[in-house]
Amino acid sequence: MLKILAKTMKLEKIIKSVTMEFDEYEVTFYEITKSLCEKLDEPTPVLLTKHVLDFKRFNFCTFKAEDFVENVHFDKMIFRHIIDKE
């Protein structure tokens, strides 16, 4: 299971946040991004290889306002992989 926290931030303050779980073997990173953005009621950003690689390497990635085609009312959107300690 892949548990991801998505949050939008403006001036380093959290505006919205949501946590969702995905089966990591059945979804693509684009599908994850689309689902999280729908849940946040925000547009889906342009997904670059950099975003996917950052998420794989560091367990988080950041989308800046410039990564969206539409105008957004936040500075950045962050996806963070939550790893449960068992």
Protein backbone atom coordinates (compact mmCIF):
# COMPACT_ATOMS: atom_id res chain seq x y z
CA MET A 1 0.00 0.00 0.00
CA LEU A 2 1.18 3.48 -0.87
CA LYS A 3 -0.06 6.19 1.51
CA ILE A 4 0.41 9.75 0.24
CA LEU A 5 -0.18 13.10 1.89
CA ALA A 6 -0.90 15.94 -0.53
CA LYS A 7 -0.99 19.53 0.63
CA THR A 8 -1.22 22.96 -0.96
CA MET A 9 0.73 25.80 0.60
CA LYS A 10 0.79 29.57 0.35
CA LEU A 11 3.47 31.60 2.13
CA GLU A 12 4.61 28.41 3.90
CA LYS A 13 1.15 27.82 5.44
CA ILE A 14 -0.97 24.78 4.63
CA ILE A 15 -4.15 25.73 2.77
CA LYS A 16 -5.57 22.24 2.07
CA SER A 17 -4.39 18.71 2.77
CA VAL A 18 -5.58 15.20 2.07
CA THR A 19 -4.23 11.68 2.60
CA MET A 20 -5.06 8.79 0.28
CA GLU A 21 -3.95 5.18 -0.06
CA PHE A 22 -3.17 3.47 -3.37
CA ASP A 23 -2.13 0.00 -4.45
CA GLU A 24 1.32 0.84 -5.79
CA TYR A 25 1.25 -2.01 -8.31
CA GLU A 26 -2.07 -1.06 -9.91
CA VAL A 27 -1.78 2.71 -10.48
CA THR A 28 0.57 5.03 -12.30
CA PHE A 29 2.01 8.20 -10.79
CA TYR A 30 -0.23 10.21 -13.13
CA GLU A 31 -3.33 8.43 -11.78
CA ILE A 32 -2.17 9.12 -8.23
CA THR A 33 -1.60 12.79 -9.05
CA LYS A 34 -5.00 13.10 -10.73
CA SER A 35 -6.82 11.44 -7.80
CA LEU A 36 -5.11 13.60 -5.18
CA CYS A 37 -5.82 16.80 -7.14
CA GLU A 38 -9.49 15.83 -7.56
CA LYS A 39 -9.75 15.21 -3.82
CA LEU A 40 -8.16 18.63 -3.14
CA ASP A 41 -10.45 20.19 -5.77
CA GLU A 42 -7.43 21.58 -7.62
CA PRO A 43 -6.31 21.28 -11.26
CA THR A 44 -3.85 18.56 -12.24
CA PRO A 45 -0.32 19.86 -12.83
CA VAL A 46 1.88 19.13 -15.81
CA LEU A 47 3.71 16.00 -14.74
CA LEU A 48 7.42 16.04 -15.55
CA THR A 49 10.01 13.28 -15.26
CA LYS A 50 11.62 15.37 -12.50
CA HIS A 51 8.50 15.01 -10.33
CA VAL A 52 8.38 11.23 -10.73
CA LEU A 53 12.11 10.83 -10.06
CA ASP A 54 11.99 13.10 -7.00
CA PHE A 55 9.12 11.05 -5.58
CA LYS A 56 10.95 7.77 -6.19
CA ARG A 57 14.28 9.00 -4.79
CA PHE A 58 13.18 11.18 -1.89
CA ASN A 59 9.59 10.04 -1.12
CA PHE A 60 8.24 13.50 -1.89
CA CYS A 61 7.88 15.92 -4.78
CA THR A 62 6.91 19.55 -5.12
CA PHE A 63 4.78 21.15 -7.81
CA LYS A 64 5.18 24.92 -8.14
CA ALA A 65 2.41 27.22 -9.34
CA GLU A 66 4.23 27.39 -12.69
CA ASP A 67 3.66 23.63 -13.16
CA PHE A 68 -0.08 24.24 -13.64
CA VAL A 69 -1.72 25.35 -16.88
CA GLU A 70 -4.58 26.96 -14.93
CA ASN A 71 -4.14 29.74 -12.40
CA VAL A 72 -3.90 28.40 -8.86
CA HIS A 73 -4.25 30.19 -5.54
CA PHE A 74 -1.25 28.60 -3.83
CA ASP A 75 2.54 28.72 -4.13
CA LYS A 76 3.20 24.99 -4.19
CA MET A 77 1.65 21.54 -3.87
CA ILE A 78 3.62 18.84 -2.07
CA PHE A 79 3.17 15.06 -2.25
CA ARG A 80 4.81 13.10 0.56
CA HIS A 81 4.92 9.32 0.89
CA ILE A 82 3.92 8.37 4.43
CA ILE A 83 5.81 5.29 5.59
CA ASP A 84 4.11 3.54 8.51
CA LYS A 85 6.50 2.07 11.04
CA GLU A 86 5.39 -1.39 12.05
